[in-house]
Amino acid sequence: STNRSQHAATPDQADWANAYFGKA
């Protein structure tokens, strides 16, 4: 939840968070 333009082309961060936190 950010306005930083560097994120425009980054991978889906929900996928990252679901793997990073969800598996643990």
PDB file of all heavy atoms in Angstrom:
ATOM      1  N   SER A   1       0.874  -1.176   0.000  1.00  0.00           N
ATOM      2  CA  SER A   1       0.000   0.000   0.000  1.00  0.00           C
ATOM      3  C   SER A   1       0.913   1.228   0.000  1.00  0.00           C
ATOM      4  O   SER A   1       1.189   1.833   1.037  1.00  0.00           O
ATOM      5  CB  SER A   1      -0.904  -0.015   1.236  1.00  0.00           C
ATOM      6  OG  SER A   1      -1.740   1.123   1.260  1.00  0.00           O
ATOM      7  N   THR A   2       1.395   1.564  -1.182  1.00  0.00           N
ATOM      8  CA  THR A   2       2.420   2.595  -1.315  1.00  0.00           C
ATOM      9  C   THR A   2       2.313   3.281  -2.670  1.00  0.00           C
ATOM     10  O   THR A   2       1.763   2.709  -3.613  1.00  0.00           O
ATOM     11  CB  THR A   2       3.828   1.977  -1.161  1.00  0.00           C
ATOM     12  OG1 THR A   2       4.825   2.965  -1.374  1.00  0.00           O
ATOM     13  CG2 THR A   2       4.046   0.836  -2.153  1.00  0.00           C
ATOM     14  N   ASN A   3       2.827   4.489  -2.748  1.00  0.00           N
ATOM     15  CA  ASN A   3       2.796   5.268  -3.990  1.00  0.00           C
ATOM     16  C   ASN A   3       4.136   5.265  -4.701  1.00  0.00           C
ATOM     17  O   ASN A   3       4.357   6.076  -5.608  1.00  0.00           O
ATOM     18  CB  ASN A   3       2.404   6.719  -3.679  1.00  0.00           C
ATOM     19  CG  ASN A   3       1.345   6.833  -2.614  1.00  0.00           C
ATOM     20  OD1 ASN A   3       1.656   7.176  -1.486  1.00  0.00           O
ATOM     21  ND2 ASN A   3       0.112   6.538  -2.951  1.00  0.00           N
ATOM     22  N   ARG A   4       5.028   4.396  -4.319  1.00  0.00           N
ATOM     23  CA  ARG A   4       6.377   4.427  -4.888  1.00  0.00           C
ATOM     24  C   ARG A   4       6.387   3.803  -6.279  1.00  0.00           C
ATOM     25  O   ARG A   4       6.058   2.624  -6.454  1.00  0.00           O
ATOM     26  CB  ARG A   4       7.354   3.743  -3.943  1.00  0.00           C
ATOM     27  CG  ARG A   4       7.405   4.537  -2.641  1.00  0.00           C
ATOM     28  CD  ARG A   4       8.393   4.051  -1.633  1.00  0.00           C
ATOM     29  NE  ARG A   4       8.317   4.907  -0.445  1.00  0.00           N
ATOM     30  CZ  ARG A   4       9.016   4.731   0.647  1.00  0.00           C
ATOM     31  NH1 ARG A   4       9.879   3.740   0.712  1.00  0.00           N
ATOM     32  NH2 ARG A   4       8.879   5.549   1.668  1.00  0.00           N
ATOM     33  N   SER A   5       6.789   4.603  -7.248  1.00  0.00           N
ATOM     34  CA  SER A   5       6.689   4.200  -8.648  1.00  0.00           C
ATOM     35  C   SER A   5       7.577   3.010  -8.983  1.00  0.00           C
ATOM     36  O   SER A   5       7.334   2.328  -9.981  1.00  0.00           O
ATOM     37  CB  SER A   5       7.041   5.384  -9.553  1.00  0.00           C
ATOM     38  OG  SER A   5       8.358   5.852  -9.277  1.00  0.00           O
ATOM     39  N   GLN A   6       8.596   2.741  -8.154  1.00  0.00           N
ATOM     40  CA  GLN A   6       9.473   1.599  -8.424  1.00  0.00           C
ATOM     41  C   GLN A   6       8.719   0.274  -8.413  1.00  0.00           C
ATOM     42  O   GLN A   6       9.190  -0.734  -8.935  1.00  0.00           O
ATOM     43  CB  GLN A   6      10.609   1.527  -7.397  1.00  0.00           C
ATOM     44  CG  GLN A   6      11.500   2.759  -7.356  1.00  0.00           C
ATOM     45  CD  GLN A   6      11.129   3.673  -6.198  1.00  0.00           C
ATOM     46  OE1 GLN A   6       9.957   4.004  -6.029  1.00  0.00           O
ATOM     47  NE2 GLN A   6      12.114   4.062  -5.404  1.00  0.00           N
ATOM     48  N   HIS A   7       7.528   0.281  -7.806  1.00  0.00           N
ATOM     49  CA  HIS A   7       6.761  -0.955  -7.696  1.00  0.00           C
ATOM     50  C   HIS A   7       5.926  -1.267  -8.941  1.00  0.00           C
ATOM     51  O   HIS A   7       5.311  -2.331  -9.014  1.00  0.00           O
ATOM     52  CB  HIS A   7       5.837  -0.908  -6.482  1.00  0.00           C
ATOM     53  CG  HIS A   7       6.452  -1.450  -5.237  1.00  0.00           C
ATOM     54  ND1 HIS A   7       6.969  -2.716  -5.142  1.00  0.00           N
ATOM     55  CD2 HIS A   7       6.627  -0.878  -4.024  1.00  0.00           C
ATOM     56  CE1 HIS A   7       7.439  -2.919  -3.928  1.00  0.00           C
ATOM     57  NE2 HIS A   7       7.247  -1.818  -3.222  1.00  0.00           N
ATOM     58  N   ALA A   8       5.885  -0.376  -9.904  1.00  0.00           N
ATOM     59  CA  ALA A   8       5.005  -0.562 -11.058  1.00  0.00           C
ATOM     60  C   ALA A   8       5.224  -1.901 -11.745  1.00  0.00           C
ATOM     61  O   ALA A   8       4.270  -2.546 -12.199  1.00  0.00           O
ATOM     62  CB  ALA A   8       5.192   0.582 -12.047  1.00  0.00           C
ATOM     63  N   ALA A   9       6.467  -2.322 -11.854  1.00  0.00           N
ATOM     64  CA  ALA A   9       6.779  -3.545 -12.589  1.00  0.00           C
ATOM     65  C   ALA A   9       7.254  -4.682 -11.695  1.00  0.00           C
ATOM     66  O   ALA A   9       7.724  -5.706 -12.198  1.00  0.00           O
ATOM     67  CB  ALA A   9       7.840  -3.247 -13.651  1.00  0.00           C
ATOM     68  N   THR A  10       7.143  -4.541 -10.388  1.00  0.00           N
ATOM     69  CA  THR A  10       7.596  -5.611  -9.509  1.00  0.00           C
ATOM     70  C   THR A  10       6.582  -6.753  -9.500  1.00  0.00           C
ATOM     71  O   THR A  10       5.406  -6.558  -9.800  1.00  0.00           O
ATOM     72  CB  THR A  10       7.813  -5.104  -8.074  1.00  0.00           C
ATOM     73  OG1 THR A  10       6.597  -4.528  -7.587  1.00  0.00           O
ATOM     74  CG2 THR A  10       8.927  -4.082  -8.030  1.00  0.00           C
ATOM     75  N   PRO A  11       7.021  -7.953  -9.156  1.00  0.00           N
ATOM     76  CA  PRO A  11       6.105  -9.104  -9.120  1.00  0.00           C
ATOM     77  C   PRO A  11       4.967  -8.877  -8.123  1.00  0.00           C
ATOM     78  O   PRO A  11       5.031  -7.994  -7.265  1.00  0.00           O
ATOM     79  CB  PRO A  11       7.008 -10.258  -8.677  1.00  0.00           C
ATOM     80  CG  PRO A  11       8.392  -9.820  -9.013  1.00  0.00           C
ATOM     81  CD  PRO A  11       8.410  -8.324  -8.845  1.00  0.00           C
ATOM     82  N   ASP A  12       3.926  -9.691  -8.245  1.00  0.00           N
ATOM     83  CA  ASP A  12       2.780  -9.615  -7.337  1.00  0.00           C
ATOM     84  C   ASP A  12       3.266  -9.829  -5.904  1.00  0.00           C
ATOM     85  O   ASP A  12       3.770 -10.902  -5.564  1.00  0.00           O
ATOM     86  CB  ASP A  12       1.752 -10.679  -7.714  1.00  0.00           C
ATOM     87  CG  ASP A  12       0.440 -10.524  -6.960  1.00  0.00           C
ATOM     88  OD1 ASP A  12       0.483 -10.283  -5.734  1.00  0.00           O
ATOM     89  OD2 ASP A  12      -0.622 -10.651  -7.584  1.00  0.00           O
ATOM     90  N   GLN A  13       3.098  -8.829  -5.090  1.00  0.00           N
ATOM     91  CA  GLN A  13       3.615  -8.898  -3.734  1.00  0.00           C
ATOM     92  C   GLN A  13       2.710  -9.687  -2.791  1.00  0.00           C
ATOM     93  O   GLN A  13       3.136 -10.088  -1.708  1.00  0.00           O
ATOM     94  CB  GLN A  13       3.885  -7.495  -3.196  1.00  0.00           C
ATOM     95  CG  GLN A  13       5.051  -6.803  -3.883  1.00  0.00           C
ATOM     96  CD  GLN A  13       6.342  -7.574  -3.753  1.00  0.00           C
ATOM     97  OE1 GLN A  13       6.972  -7.593  -2.700  1.00  0.00           O
ATOM     98  NE2 GLN A  13       6.758  -8.264  -4.818  1.00  0.00           N
ATOM     99  N   ALA A  14       1.478  -9.930  -3.217  1.00  0.00           N
ATOM    100  CA  ALA A  14       0.642 -10.857  -2.449  1.00  0.00           C
ATOM    101  C   ALA A  14       1.195 -12.267  -2.567  1.00  0.00           C
ATOM    102  O   ALA A  14       1.232 -13.018  -1.582  1.00  0.00           O
ATOM    103  CB  ALA A  14      -0.796 -10.807  -2.938  1.00  0.00           C
ATOM    104  N   ASP A  15       1.648 -12.641  -3.769  1.00  0.00           N
ATOM    105  CA  ASP A  15       2.253 -13.960  -3.955  1.00  0.00           C
ATOM    106  C   ASP A  15       3.483 -14.106  -3.059  1.00  0.00           C
ATOM    107  O   ASP A  15       3.690 -15.150  -2.426  1.00  0.00           O
ATOM    108  CB  ASP A  15       2.659 -14.164  -5.415  1.00  0.00           C
ATOM    109  CG  ASP A  15       1.462 -14.308  -6.341  1.00  0.00           C
ATOM    110  OD1 ASP A  15       0.345 -14.545  -5.837  1.00  0.00           O
ATOM    111  OD2 ASP A  15       1.648 -14.172  -7.569  1.00  0.00           O
ATOM    112  N   TRP A  16       4.292 -13.041  -3.020  1.00  0.00           N
ATOM    113  CA  TRP A  16       5.469 -13.079  -2.157  1.00  0.00           C
ATOM    114  C   TRP A  16       5.063 -13.242  -0.693  1.00  0.00           C
ATOM    115  O   TRP A  16       5.585 -14.118   0.017  1.00  0.00           O
ATOM    116  CB  TRP A  16       6.293 -11.797  -2.314  1.00  0.00           C
ATOM    117  CG  TRP A  16       7.253 -11.603  -1.187  1.00  0.00           C
ATOM    118  CD1 TRP A  16       8.433 -12.262  -0.985  1.00  0.00           C
ATOM    119  CD2 TRP A  16       7.083 -10.745  -0.044  1.00  0.00           C
ATOM    120  NE1 TRP A  16       9.012 -11.864   0.205  1.00  0.00           N
ATOM    121  CE2 TRP A  16       8.203 -10.932   0.795  1.00  0.00           C
ATOM    122  CE3 TRP A  16       6.093  -9.838   0.323  1.00  0.00           C
ATOM    123  CZ2 TRP A  16       8.359 -10.230   1.994  1.00  0.00           C
ATOM    124  CZ3 TRP A  16       6.240  -9.143   1.519  1.00  0.00           C
ATOM    125  CH2 TRP A  16       7.360  -9.338   2.341  1.00  0.00           C
ATOM    126  N   ALA A  17       4.144 -12.417  -0.214  1.00  0.00           N
ATOM    127  CA  ALA A  17       3.763 -12.439   1.200  1.00  0.00           C
ATOM    128  C   ALA A  17       3.091 -13.758   1.579  1.00  0.00           C
ATOM    129  O   ALA A  17       3.336 -14.299   2.667  1.00  0.00           O
ATOM    130  CB  ALA A  17       2.838 -11.262   1.515  1.00  0.00           C
ATOM    131  N   ASN A  18       2.242 -14.274   0.688  1.00  0.00           N
ATOM    132  CA  ASN A  18       1.575 -15.539   0.989  1.00  0.00           C
ATOM    133  C   ASN A  18       2.567 -16.677   1.121  1.00  0.00           C
ATOM    134  O   ASN A  18       2.379 -17.591   1.929  1.00  0.00           O
ATOM    135  CB  ASN A  18       0.538 -15.860  -0.099  1.00  0.00           C
ATOM    136  CG  ASN A  18      -0.721 -15.020   0.044  1.00  0.00           C
ATOM    137  OD1 ASN A  18      -1.177 -14.751   1.142  1.00  0.00           O
ATOM    138  ND2 ASN A  18      -1.276 -14.593  -1.069  1.00  0.00           N
ATOM    139  N   ALA A  19       3.634 -16.630   0.337  1.00  0.00           N
ATOM    140  CA  ALA A  19       4.672 -17.656   0.459  1.00  0.00           C
ATOM    141  C   ALA A  19       5.574 -17.386   1.662  1.00  0.00           C
ATOM    142  O   ALA A  19       5.854 -18.289   2.465  1.00  0.00           O
ATOM    143  CB  ALA A  19       5.499 -17.713  -0.824  1.00  0.00           C
ATOM    144  N   TYR A  20       6.004 -16.141   1.806  1.00  0.00           N
ATOM    145  CA  TYR A  20       6.983 -15.778   2.828  1.00  0.00           C
ATOM    146  C   TYR A  20       6.427 -15.973   4.238  1.00  0.00           C
ATOM    147  O   TYR A  20       7.076 -16.560   5.111  1.00  0.00           O
ATOM    148  CB  TYR A  20       7.396 -14.320   2.608  1.00  0.00           C
ATOM    149  CG  TYR A  20       8.561 -13.841   3.440  1.00  0.00           C
ATOM    150  CD1 TYR A  20       9.860 -14.142   3.073  1.00  0.00           C
ATOM    151  CD2 TYR A  20       8.358 -13.049   4.562  1.00  0.00           C
ATOM    152  CE1 TYR A  20      10.947 -13.689   3.822  1.00  0.00           C
ATOM    153  CE2 TYR A  20       9.426 -12.579   5.318  1.00  0.00           C
ATOM    154  CZ  TYR A  20      10.716 -12.903   4.941  1.00  0.00           C
ATOM    155  OH  TYR A  20      11.778 -12.445   5.669  1.00  0.00           O
ATOM    156  N   PHE A  21       5.221 -15.486   4.467  1.00  0.00           N
ATOM    157  CA  PHE A  21       4.605 -15.595   5.790  1.00  0.00           C
ATOM    158  C   PHE A  21       3.695 -16.815   5.892  1.00  0.00           C
ATOM    159  O   PHE A  21       3.625 -17.449   6.945  1.00  0.00           O
ATOM    160  CB  PHE A  21       3.792 -14.339   6.110  1.00  0.00           C
ATOM    161  CG  PHE A  21       4.615 -13.109   6.310  1.00  0.00           C
ATOM    162  CD1 PHE A  21       4.669 -12.137   5.323  1.00  0.00           C
ATOM    163  CD2 PHE A  21       5.335 -12.902   7.467  1.00  0.00           C
ATOM    164  CE1 PHE A  21       5.422 -10.987   5.495  1.00  0.00           C
ATOM    165  CE2 PHE A  21       6.094 -11.761   7.657  1.00  0.00           C
ATOM    166  CZ  PHE A  21       6.137 -10.796   6.661  1.00  0.00           C
ATOM    167  N   GLY A  22       2.959 -17.087   4.817  1.00  0.00           N
ATOM    168  CA  GLY A  22       1.947 -18.134   4.873  1.00  0.00           C
ATOM    169  C   GLY A  22       2.513 -19.513   5.170  1.00  0.00           C
ATOM    170  O   GLY A  22       1.953 -20.267   5.977  1.00  0.00           O
ATOM    171  N   LYS A  23       3.629 -19.863   4.538  1.00  0.00           N
ATOM    172  CA  LYS A  23       4.216 -21.171   4.764  1.00  0.00           C
ATOM    173  C   LYS A  23       4.687 -21.324   6.211  1.00  0.00           C
ATOM    174  O   LYS A  23       4.498 -22.380   6.834  1.00  0.00           O
ATOM    175  CB  LYS A  23       5.371 -21.399   3.792  1.00  0.00           C
ATOM    176  CG  LYS A  23       4.914 -21.580   2.346  1.00  0.00           C
ATOM    177  CD  LYS A  23       6.099 -21.775   1.410  1.00  0.00           C
ATOM    178  CE  LYS A  23       5.634 -21.925  -0.037  1.00  0.00           C
ATOM    179  NZ  LYS A  23       6.794 -22.074  -0.973  1.00  0.00           N
ATOM    180  N   ALA A  24       5.286 -20.273   6.746  1.00  0.00           N
ATOM    181  CA  ALA A  24       5.742 -20.326   8.136  1.00  0.00           C
ATOM    182  C   ALA A  24       4.562 -20.438   9.088  1.00  0.00           C
ATOM    183  O   ALA A  24       4.589 -21.217  10.055  1.00  0.00           O
ATOM    184  CB  ALA A  24       6.580 -19.093   8.454  1.00  0.00           C
TER     185      ALA A  24
END
